[in-house]
Protein backbone atom coordinates (compact mmCIF):
# COMPACT_ATOMS: atom_id res chain seq x y z
CA MET A 1 68.52 91.97 -61.48
CA ALA A 2 70.92 92.14 -64.41
CA PHE A 3 72.89 94.85 -62.58
CA GLN A 4 73.28 92.66 -59.50
CA THR A 5 74.22 89.60 -61.57
CA THR A 6 76.85 91.54 -63.49
CA PHE A 7 78.65 92.75 -60.40
CA LEU A 8 78.42 89.45 -58.57
CA GLN A 9 80.10 87.83 -61.56
CA SER A 10 82.82 90.49 -61.53
CA ARG A 11 83.82 89.44 -58.01
CA ARG A 12 85.25 86.15 -59.25
CA MET A 13 88.98 86.82 -59.20
CA GLY A 14 91.14 85.04 -61.72
CA TRP A 15 94.90 85.17 -61.75
CA LYS A 16 94.91 88.15 -64.13
CA ARG A 17 92.85 90.15 -61.71
CA VAL A 18 95.07 89.19 -58.79
CA VAL A 19 98.09 90.47 -60.70
CA LEU A 20 96.23 93.69 -61.52
CA HIS A 21 95.42 94.26 -57.85
CA LEU A 22 99.01 93.62 -56.81
CA VAL A 23 100.24 96.18 -59.34
CA MET A 24 97.64 98.67 -58.13
CA TRP A 25 98.70 98.29 -54.51
CA GLY A 26 102.34 98.55 -55.46
CA LEU A 27 101.68 101.90 -57.12
CA ALA A 28 99.54 103.04 -54.18
CA PHE A 29 102.27 102.13 -51.69
CA ALA A 30 104.89 104.00 -53.76
CA PHE A 31 102.66 107.09 -53.91
CA ILE A 32 102.07 107.07 -50.15
CA ARG A 33 105.66 106.26 -49.27
CA TYR A 34 107.61 108.48 -51.62
CA PHE A 35 105.25 111.38 -52.22
CA LEU A 36 102.37 111.82 -49.82
CA PHE A 37 104.05 111.37 -46.43
CA LYS A 38 107.47 112.51 -47.57
CA GLN A 39 105.89 115.88 -48.23
CA ILE A 40 103.86 115.96 -45.00
CA VAL A 41 106.17 114.40 -42.42
CA LYS A 42 109.62 115.96 -42.69
CA ASP A 43 111.00 115.27 -39.23
CA ALA A 44 111.74 112.04 -37.35
CA GLY A 45 112.24 109.01 -39.60
CA TRP A 46 110.23 106.71 -37.36
CA ALA A 47 107.18 108.94 -37.68
CA THR A 48 107.32 108.90 -41.48
CA SER A 49 107.74 105.13 -41.69
CA ILE A 50 105.03 104.24 -39.22
CA ASN A 51 102.52 106.71 -40.65
CA TYR A 52 102.78 105.65 -44.28
CA THR A 53 102.53 102.02 -43.13
CA VAL A 54 99.36 102.78 -41.17
CA VAL A 55 97.82 104.72 -44.05
CA PHE A 56 98.64 101.96 -46.57
CA CYS A 57 97.12 99.23 -44.37
CA GLN A 58 94.01 101.33 -43.75
CA THR A 59 93.66 102.01 -47.49
CA VAL A 60 93.78 98.29 -48.34
CA VAL A 61 91.28 97.31 -45.64
CA LEU A 62 88.85 100.17 -46.37
CA TYR A 63 88.99 99.64 -50.14
CA TYR A 64 88.01 95.96 -49.97
CA LEU A 65 85.52 96.49 -47.15
CA ILE A 66 83.68 99.32 -48.90
CA GLY A 67 84.29 98.43 -52.56
CA HIS A 68 83.81 94.66 -52.35
CA VAL A 69 81.34 94.35 -49.47
CA PHE A 70 79.30 97.52 -49.03
CA PHE A 71 79.08 98.23 -52.77
CA TYR A 72 77.70 94.77 -53.56
CA GLN A 73 75.63 94.20 -50.43
CA TYR A 74 74.02 97.65 -50.21
CA LEU A 75 74.86 100.18 -52.94
CA TYR A 76 74.27 98.02 -56.02
CA ARG A 77 71.15 96.57 -54.43
CA LYS A 78 69.83 100.11 -53.85
CA GLN A 79 69.88 99.77 -50.06
CA TYR A 80 71.12 103.33 -49.68
CA LEU A 81 70.27 103.84 -46.01
CA ARG A 82 72.29 100.78 -44.98
CA PHE A 83 75.13 101.87 -47.24
CA ILE A 84 75.33 105.36 -45.70
CA SER A 85 74.98 103.95 -42.17
CA SER A 86 77.83 101.53 -42.84
CA LEU A 87 80.04 104.34 -44.14
CA LEU A 88 79.37 106.43 -41.04
CA LEU A 89 80.18 103.49 -38.80
CA ILE A 90 83.44 102.84 -40.65
CA TYR A 91 84.31 106.53 -40.49
CA PHE A 92 83.77 106.57 -36.72
CA LEU A 93 85.76 103.37 -36.09
CA THR A 94 88.61 104.67 -38.24
CA SER A 95 88.71 107.98 -36.36
CA VAL A 96 88.79 106.11 -33.03
CA THR A 97 91.61 103.92 -34.33
CA ASN A 98 93.57 106.99 -35.42
CA TYR A 99 93.02 108.65 -32.05
CA LEU A 100 94.37 105.62 -30.17
CA LEU A 101 97.33 105.27 -32.56
CA PHE A 102 98.43 108.89 -32.19
CA GLU A 103 98.02 108.64 -28.45
CA ARG A 104 100.55 105.78 -28.55
CA PHE A 105 102.80 107.72 -30.97
CA PHE A 106 102.86 110.72 -28.62
CA ASP A 107 103.67 108.54 -25.61
CA TYR A 108 106.46 106.87 -27.63
CA GLN A 109 108.11 110.14 -28.57
CA VAL A 110 107.95 111.32 -24.99
CA ALA A 111 109.49 108.08 -23.73
CA THR A 112 112.25 107.95 -26.37
CA LYS A 113 112.70 111.74 -26.67
CA GLN A 114 112.52 111.33 -30.48
CA THR A 115 110.24 114.27 -31.07
CA SER A 116 108.07 114.42 -34.18
CA ALA A 117 106.60 117.77 -35.07
CA TYR A 118 103.87 116.03 -37.13
CA VAL A 119 102.84 113.71 -34.30
CA THR A 120 102.86 116.59 -31.82
CA ARG A 121 100.74 118.79 -34.09
CA ILE A 122 98.16 116.12 -34.91
CA TRP A 123 97.87 114.98 -31.29
CA GLY A 124 97.32 118.60 -30.37
CA ILE A 125 94.29 118.59 -32.69
CA LEU A 126 92.90 115.19 -31.68
CA GLN A 127 93.45 115.15 -27.90
CA PRO A 128 91.26 118.15 -26.95
CA ASN A 129 88.27 116.85 -28.98
CA GLY A 130 88.39 113.19 -27.93
CA PHE A 131 86.64 110.36 -29.80
CA PRO A 132 83.64 112.47 -30.96
CA GLY A 133 85.99 114.98 -32.59
CA ALA A 134 85.58 113.43 -36.01
CA PHE A 135 81.91 114.53 -35.94
CA THR A 136 82.13 117.72 -33.88
CA ASN A 137 85.28 119.46 -35.11
CA ILE A 138 85.91 120.42 -38.73
CA ARG A 139 89.71 120.29 -38.35
CA VAL A 140 89.57 116.75 -36.96
CA ALA A 141 87.11 115.64 -39.63
CA SER A 142 89.26 117.10 -42.41
CA TRP A 143 92.39 115.44 -41.07
CA VAL A 144 90.69 112.02 -40.68
CA PHE A 145 89.46 112.19 -44.27
CA GLY A 146 92.84 113.22 -45.65
CA TYR A 147 94.81 110.75 -43.52
CA SER A 148 92.63 107.63 -43.91
CA PHE A 149 90.23 108.14 -46.85
CA PHE A 150 92.07 110.23 -49.44
CA MET A 151 93.55 107.28 -51.36
CA VAL A 152 90.46 105.15 -50.70
CA VAL A 153 88.16 107.66 -52.38
CA ILE A 154 90.38 107.82 -55.46
CA LEU A 155 90.52 104.04 -55.79
CA LEU A 156 86.80 103.59 -55.12
CA GLY A 157 86.00 106.25 -57.71
CA ALA A 158 88.01 104.36 -60.32
CA LYS A 159 86.31 101.11 -59.30
CA ALA A 160 82.83 102.66 -59.54
CA VAL A 161 83.52 103.92 -63.07
CA LYS A 162 84.82 100.48 -64.06
CA ASP A 163 81.75 98.79 -62.55
CA VAL A 164 79.33 101.09 -64.37
CA ILE A 165 81.08 100.48 -67.70
CA GLY A 166 81.01 96.74 -67.03
CA PHE A 167 77.31 96.89 -66.25
CA GLN A 168 76.54 98.83 -69.42
CA ASN A 169 78.51 96.36 -71.54
CA ARG A 170 76.77 93.42 -69.89
CA ALA A 171 73.36 95.05 -70.31
CA VAL A 172 74.02 95.53 -74.02
CA GLN A 173 75.13 91.89 -74.30
CA LEU A 174 72.02 90.66 -72.49
CA GLU A 175 69.78 92.72 -74.75
CA LYS A 176 71.57 91.31 -77.79
CA GLU A 177 71.15 87.74 -76.52
CA LYS A 178 67.49 88.40 -75.74
CA PHE A 179 66.97 89.80 -79.23
CA GLU A 180 68.62 86.79 -80.85
CA LEU A 181 66.52 84.42 -78.74
CA GLU A 182 63.29 86.20 -79.66
CA ARG A 183 64.34 86.30 -83.30
CA GLY A 184 65.04 82.55 -83.30
CA LYS A 185 61.71 81.89 -81.62
CA ILE A 186 59.83 83.96 -84.21
CA LEU A 187 61.62 82.25 -87.09
CA LEU A 188 60.78 78.82 -85.67
CA GLU A 189 57.14 79.78 -85.14
CA ASN A 190 56.93 81.08 -88.71
CA GLU A 191 58.52 77.90 -90.04
CA ASN A 192 56.12 75.70 -88.09
CA LEU A 193 53.18 77.83 -89.23
CA SER A 194 54.31 77.47 -92.83
CA LEU A 195 54.54 73.70 -92.41
CA GLU A 196 51.06 73.53 -90.94
CA LEU A 197 49.60 75.69 -93.71
CA ASN A 198 51.28 73.63 -96.42
CA PHE A 199 49.93 70.48 -94.83
CA LEU A 200 46.39 71.78 -94.52
CA LYS A 201 46.37 73.12 -98.08
CA SER A 202 47.21 69.67 -99.41
CA GLN A 203 44.46 67.86 -97.53
CA ILE A 204 40.82 67.17 -98.17
CA ASN A 205 38.51 68.48 -95.49
CA PRO A 206 39.71 66.51 -92.43
CA HIS A 207 36.22 65.97 -91.01
CA PHE A 208 35.00 64.60 -94.31
CA LEU A 209 38.03 62.33 -94.68
CA LEU A 210 37.77 60.95 -91.12
CA ASN A 211 34.09 60.30 -91.51
CA THR A 212 34.75 58.58 -94.84
CA LEU A 213 37.42 56.36 -93.29
CA ASN A 214 35.02 55.38 -90.52
CA SER A 215 32.39 54.48 -93.11
CA ILE A 216 34.89 52.38 -95.05
CA TYR A 217 35.97 50.68 -91.82
CA VAL A 218 32.39 49.66 -91.06
CA ARG A 219 32.02 48.16 -94.53
CA VAL A 220 35.38 46.35 -94.48
CA VAL A 221 35.61 45.04 -90.91
CA ASP A 222 33.48 41.94 -91.61
CA VAL A 223 35.24 41.21 -94.92
CA ASP A 224 38.93 41.84 -94.27
CA GLU A 225 40.00 42.35 -90.67
CA GLN A 226 43.59 43.21 -91.63
CA ALA A 227 42.48 45.95 -94.02
CA ALA A 228 40.03 47.24 -91.42
CA ASP A 229 42.80 47.38 -88.84
CA GLN A 230 44.93 49.45 -91.22
CA ILE A 231 42.06 51.85 -91.84
CA LEU A 232 41.55 52.20 -88.10
CA ARG A 233 45.25 52.93 -87.57
CA LEU A 234 45.26 55.49 -90.40
CA SER A 235 42.23 57.18 -88.89
CA ASP A 236 43.93 57.28 -85.51
CA LEU A 237 47.06 58.77 -87.08
CA MET A 238 45.10 61.55 -88.71
CA ARG A 239 43.08 62.28 -85.59
CA TYR A 240 46.27 62.53 -83.52
CA GLY A 241 48.01 64.78 -86.03
CA LEU A 242 45.02 67.06 -86.61
CA TYR A 243 43.48 67.35 -83.16
CA GLU A 244 45.37 65.77 -80.26
CA SER A 245 48.75 67.29 -81.16
CA ASN A 246 47.41 70.87 -80.93
CA THR A 247 48.70 71.23 -77.38
CA GLU A 248 52.01 72.10 -75.78
CA TYR A 249 52.53 68.63 -74.30
CA ILE A 250 51.02 65.19 -74.86
CA LEU A 251 51.19 62.03 -72.81
CA LEU A 252 54.36 60.12 -73.73
CA GLU A 253 52.35 56.90 -73.90
CA ARG A 254 50.08 58.46 -76.54
CA GLU A 255 53.03 59.73 -78.59
CA LEU A 256 54.50 56.22 -78.68
CA GLU A 257 51.13 54.78 -79.73
CA TYR A 258 51.24 57.16 -82.67
CA ILE A 259 54.70 55.86 -83.58
CA GLN A 260 53.48 52.25 -83.38
CA ASN A 261 50.50 52.98 -85.64
CA TYR A 262 52.85 54.57 -88.17
CA LEU A 263 55.15 51.53 -88.05
CA ALA A 264 52.21 49.14 -88.45
CA LEU A 265 51.12 50.91 -91.63
CA GLU A 266 54.66 50.93 -93.01
CA SER A 267 55.01 47.23 -92.18
CA ALA A 268 51.77 46.40 -93.99
CA ARG A 269 52.81 48.50 -96.99
CA LYS A 270 56.29 46.99 -97.36
CA GLY A 271 55.56 43.43 -96.23
CA ASP A 272 58.56 41.13 -95.88
CA ASN A 273 60.92 43.52 -97.67
CA VAL A 274 61.64 45.38 -94.42
CA THR A 275 62.20 44.11 -90.88
CA ILE A 276 60.59 46.54 -88.44
CA ARG A 277 61.04 46.14 -84.70
CA PHE A 278 59.81 48.37 -81.89
CA ASP A 279 60.90 47.72 -78.29
CA GLN A 280 60.01 49.73 -75.22
CA ALA A 281 60.72 49.61 -71.50
CA GLY A 282 59.33 51.74 -68.70
CA ASP A 283 56.09 53.33 -67.52
CA PHE A 284 55.14 56.00 -70.09
CA SER A 285 51.81 56.92 -68.51
CA GLN A 286 53.16 59.55 -66.09
CA HIS A 287 55.33 61.74 -68.33
CA TYR A 288 54.51 64.24 -71.05
CA ILE A 289 56.41 65.25 -74.18
CA ALA A 290 56.04 67.81 -76.97
CA PRO A 291 53.74 66.23 -79.59
CA LEU A 292 55.09 64.99 -82.94
CA LEU A 293 58.66 65.36 -81.70
CA LEU A 294 59.70 61.76 -82.37
CA ILE A 295 58.00 61.05 -85.67
CA SER A 296 60.59 62.90 -87.79
CA LEU A 297 63.29 60.54 -86.50
CA VAL A 298 61.20 57.56 -87.60
CA GLU A 299 60.17 59.08 -90.93
CA ASN A 300 63.81 59.83 -91.68
CA ALA A 301 64.66 56.13 -91.31
CA PHE A 302 62.20 55.23 -94.06
CA LYS A 303 62.64 58.18 -96.41
CA HIS A 304 66.43 58.09 -96.57
CA GLY A 305 67.06 54.50 -95.62
CA VAL A 306 64.86 51.49 -96.26
CA ASN A 307 62.88 53.11 -99.10
CA LYS A 308 66.08 52.99 -101.18
CA ILE A 309 66.97 49.37 -100.36
CA ARG A 310 65.54 46.35 -102.17
CA SER A 311 66.64 43.67 -99.68
CA ASP A 312 67.93 43.27 -96.12
CA ALA A 313 66.30 46.53 -95.08
CA PHE A 314 65.51 47.09 -91.41
CA VAL A 315 64.34 49.71 -88.93
CA TYR A 316 64.94 49.12 -85.22
CA ILE A 317 63.37 51.48 -82.70
CA ASN A 318 63.81 51.43 -78.95
CA ALA A 319 62.11 53.61 -76.33
CA GLN A 320 63.22 53.48 -72.71
CA LEU A 321 62.23 55.53 -69.67
CA THR A 322 64.24 55.32 -66.44
CA ASP A 323 63.02 57.69 -63.72
CA ASP A 324 62.80 60.98 -65.67
CA LEU A 325 65.38 60.09 -68.34
CA PHE A 326 63.86 59.15 -71.71
CA LEU A 327 65.99 57.44 -74.36
CA PHE A 328 64.77 57.02 -77.95
CA TRP A 329 66.97 55.64 -80.68
CA VAL A 330 66.30 54.68 -84.27
CA THR A 331 68.65 52.50 -86.34
CA ASN A 332 68.02 51.82 -90.01
CA ALA A 333 69.81 50.25 -92.94
CA VAL A 334 71.19 52.54 -95.63
CA PRO A 335 72.14 51.83 -99.25
CA VAL A 336 75.71 50.56 -99.49
CA ASN A 337 78.25 53.18 -100.62
CA THR A 338 75.61 55.88 -100.46
CA PRO A 339 76.37 58.75 -98.03
CA HIS A 340 73.45 59.73 -95.83
CA VAL A 341 72.16 63.24 -96.37
CA GLU A 342 69.95 64.68 -93.70
CA SER A 343 66.58 65.86 -94.92
CA GLN A 344 66.07 69.61 -94.80
CA SER A 345 63.02 69.70 -97.05
CA LYS A 346 59.65 70.84 -95.86
CA LYS A 347 57.49 68.02 -97.18
CA GLN A 348 53.82 67.70 -96.51
CA GLY A 349 52.79 66.29 -93.18
CA GLY A 350 56.23 66.19 -91.49
CA VAL A 351 59.35 68.05 -90.42
CA GLY A 352 63.03 67.35 -91.07
CA LEU A 353 65.74 66.61 -88.57
CA GLN A 354 66.90 70.23 -88.69
CA ASN A 355 63.51 71.41 -87.47
CA THR A 356 63.57 68.73 -84.78
CA ARG A 357 66.88 70.13 -83.54
CA LYS A 358 65.39 73.62 -83.41
CA ARG A 359 62.35 72.40 -81.49
CA LEU A 360 64.57 70.60 -79.01
CA GLU A 361 66.67 73.72 -78.45
CA MET A 362 63.55 75.79 -77.85
CA LEU A 363 61.54 73.30 -75.77
CA TYR A 364 64.29 71.41 -73.92
CA PRO A 365 67.30 73.75 -73.55
CA LYS A 366 70.17 71.98 -71.77
CA LYS A 367 67.87 69.01 -71.16
CA HIS A 368 68.45 67.03 -74.33
CA GLU A 369 71.12 65.38 -76.43
CA LEU A 370 70.76 64.39 -80.08
CA HIS A 371 73.49 62.18 -81.51
CA ILE A 372 73.82 60.85 -85.06
CA GLU A 373 76.12 57.99 -86.02
CA THR A 374 76.66 56.78 -89.56
CA THR A 375 78.37 53.65 -90.87
CA PRO A 376 78.56 52.31 -94.42
CA THR A 377 75.49 50.13 -93.73
CA GLU A 378 73.62 51.79 -90.84
CA PHE A 379 72.31 55.15 -89.71
CA CYS A 380 71.50 55.66 -86.02
CA VAL A 381 69.85 58.60 -84.25
CA THR A 382 69.84 58.68 -80.45
CA LEU A 383 67.74 61.18 -78.51
CA THR A 384 68.10 61.67 -74.76
CA LEU A 385 65.49 63.81 -72.98
CA GLN A 386 65.18 64.86 -69.36
CA LEU A 387 61.43 64.79 -68.73
CA ALA A 388 59.57 65.99 -65.68
CA PRO A 389 56.42 64.11 -64.61
CA ARG A 390 53.27 66.22 -64.91
CA LEU A 391 49.78 65.74 -63.53
CA LYS A 392 48.35 66.92 -66.82
CA ALA A 393 49.57 68.30 -70.09
CA ALA A 394 50.35 72.00 -70.12
């Protein structure tokens, strides 16, 4: 497949290649005109001129027909029988063409009495054997090859060598790209594994903790509904992070619920010191997304934004789904005169923006855009994802 792709790409002719071909044909014409036929045809001038013109035209047509059609359609696709059959057909049609041409040349010299020893000799070889002579007579076959295919074989040989070298170079490049892709994938998997291990090492037994939270919820729900609600949200956050996110894709609606639970806890923790707003538009129940992909964008807004501001802090989040296009942007206040530095640390329970970029490149290649805009007072991250609706998570 790589071999076929390489040669199909090589057929795209830019202006440099056009110039190269023109130079090649100029040299070929000079060789035929001033060397090949000048040595063979030493009699009537008309015979020399018309023969090198015929040979040059045949060379051009046969080169492009065989080298740029038969090579790509049959030879490089390993359809050898069709390739050989096509060559035999071209050989026969060329021999018939030569037979008819020399028949006209002989009639011309008889009519004009401008005798050509070359035309007379060749017609004396062709005429007795007729059209099948190219397959039945060795002298006819040798002449047809030398007359019509000599230059073609040389040029096609050079082209074949060039194609093979191009294929080898492309194959090496593809292997290198494949190696780099696999290497990047392994590094990302190792990084994610390290994050998961660091998170798990820092936690109490998750089953014990969830059960404890449920017990506390039962005791608190009749006393303080607000506190009970926060416990319930925290329990849901942990359950999502520990169990539901262990899949390749999760329902987009569920991922956004996780974001809302996180925001509710942050809002309760910070009170009136931070304005938190979450807006959404669209039907999120039919599309799936990689789990925990959005939370780092939200965490970043708090860690490097509002947590460092005493007043007028805000976090605005908007999620919008139109057809299969998902837009998610987070805008947060930043400390005045303090440059924003993107988090690259591997803290417990989360991933930085750099890891989010890597995940996007691996999971949504050419289907995402991540833009960051910074002003003296605001930091905005905009994520655009092309999502495909799925019947169920992969």
